[in-house]
Amino acid sequence: MKYEMSPEEKRLAALAWAAGLLLLGIVILVDLGVHHHPHFERDGLTFDTLPEFYPLFGFGAAFVFIIVAKTLAIALKRKDTFYADD
């Protein structure tokens, strides 16, 4: 049985997505105006001086966390009757 969202829930979901994308856009625009001090410039690595490196790094880290969490959920999943006293 598939869950159907009510029109109110659909409206709120669309509003939440719009608010999240607006916030993401604001963060990216603000990040363009911030001067970042490179930490690894003396070693010849300048990846942290690239524009938008930090938001992309954060997105990549969040993506990895989600993949790890989903993998752990599959590995740790138990049947519904696991704790049953049969």
Protein backbone atom coordinates (compact mmCIF):
# COMPACT_ATOMS: atom_id res chain seq x y z
CA MET A 1 0.00 0.00 0.00
CA LYS A 2 1.49 3.29 -1.09
CA TYR A 3 1.06 6.40 1.01
CA GLU A 4 -0.66 9.28 -0.77
CA MET A 5 0.05 12.81 0.43
CA SER A 6 -2.84 15.16 0.95
CA PRO A 7 -2.88 18.44 -1.02
CA GLU A 8 -1.84 20.29 2.14
CA GLU A 9 1.12 17.95 2.66
CA LYS A 10 2.14 18.36 -0.99
CA ARG A 11 2.00 22.14 -0.62
CA LEU A 12 4.11 22.04 2.55
CA ALA A 13 6.63 19.68 0.94
CA ALA A 14 6.97 22.01 -2.05
CA LEU A 15 7.37 24.97 0.32
CA ALA A 16 10.08 23.13 2.28
CA TRP A 17 11.97 22.32 -0.93
CA ALA A 18 11.70 25.92 -2.11
CA ALA A 19 12.93 27.24 1.25
CA GLY A 20 15.85 24.79 1.25
CA LEU A 21 16.89 25.71 -2.28
CA LEU A 22 16.60 29.41 -1.47
CA LEU A 23 18.79 28.94 1.60
CA LEU A 24 21.31 26.96 -0.45
CA GLY A 25 21.45 29.74 -3.03
CA ILE A 26 21.99 32.36 -0.33
CA VAL A 27 24.82 30.34 1.23
CA ILE A 28 26.53 29.92 -2.14
CA LEU A 29 26.26 33.64 -2.92
CA VAL A 30 27.58 34.61 0.52
CA ASP A 31 30.45 32.14 0.15
CA LEU A 32 31.55 33.87 -3.05
CA GLY A 33 32.20 37.04 -1.06
CA VAL A 34 34.19 35.41 1.74
CA HIS A 35 37.97 35.36 1.47
CA HIS A 36 39.27 31.93 2.46
CA HIS A 37 42.84 31.49 3.63
CA PRO A 38 44.39 28.43 1.96
CA HIS A 39 45.77 25.91 4.44
CA PHE A 40 47.81 23.74 2.07
CA GLU A 41 49.25 26.35 -0.30
CA ARG A 42 52.82 25.83 0.87
CA ASP A 43 52.58 22.12 0.00
CA GLY A 44 51.55 22.91 -3.56
CA LEU A 45 47.95 21.84 -2.99
CA THR A 46 45.57 24.64 -3.86
CA PHE A 47 42.25 22.80 -3.96
CA ASP A 48 40.96 24.81 -1.00
CA THR A 49 41.44 28.06 -2.92
CA LEU A 50 38.99 26.98 -5.63
CA PRO A 51 35.72 28.91 -5.60
CA GLU A 52 32.93 27.02 -3.86
CA PHE A 53 35.30 24.32 -2.57
CA TYR A 54 33.85 24.34 0.94
CA PRO A 55 30.17 23.98 -0.07
CA LEU A 56 31.11 21.19 -2.48
CA PHE A 57 33.21 19.50 0.20
CA GLY A 58 30.27 19.70 2.62
CA PHE A 59 27.91 18.27 0.00
CA GLY A 60 30.32 15.42 -0.69
CA ALA A 61 30.69 14.65 3.01
CA ALA A 62 26.90 14.62 3.48
CA PHE A 63 26.55 12.33 0.46
CA VAL A 64 29.09 9.90 1.93
CA PHE A 65 27.30 9.96 5.31
CA ILE A 66 24.00 9.10 3.62
CA ILE A 67 25.53 6.21 1.67
CA VAL A 68 27.18 4.84 4.83
CA ALA A 69 23.93 5.17 6.80
CA LYS A 70 21.92 3.36 4.14
CA THR A 71 24.54 0.60 3.92
CA LEU A 72 24.52 0.17 7.70
CA ALA A 73 20.72 0.07 7.70
CA ILE A 74 20.79 -2.80 5.20
CA ALA A 75 23.50 -4.62 7.15
CA LEU A 76 21.74 -4.23 10.51
CA LYS A 77 18.20 -4.90 9.32
CA ARG A 78 16.30 -7.66 11.11
CA LYS A 79 13.08 -9.46 10.24
CA ASP A 80 9.86 -8.25 11.84
CA THR A 81 9.71 -11.44 13.91
CA PHE A 82 13.28 -11.20 15.23
CA TYR A 83 12.19 -10.46 18.81
CA ALA A 84 9.06 -12.62 18.74
CA ASP A 85 8.68 -15.28 21.43
CA ASP A 86 7.75 -18.15 19.11
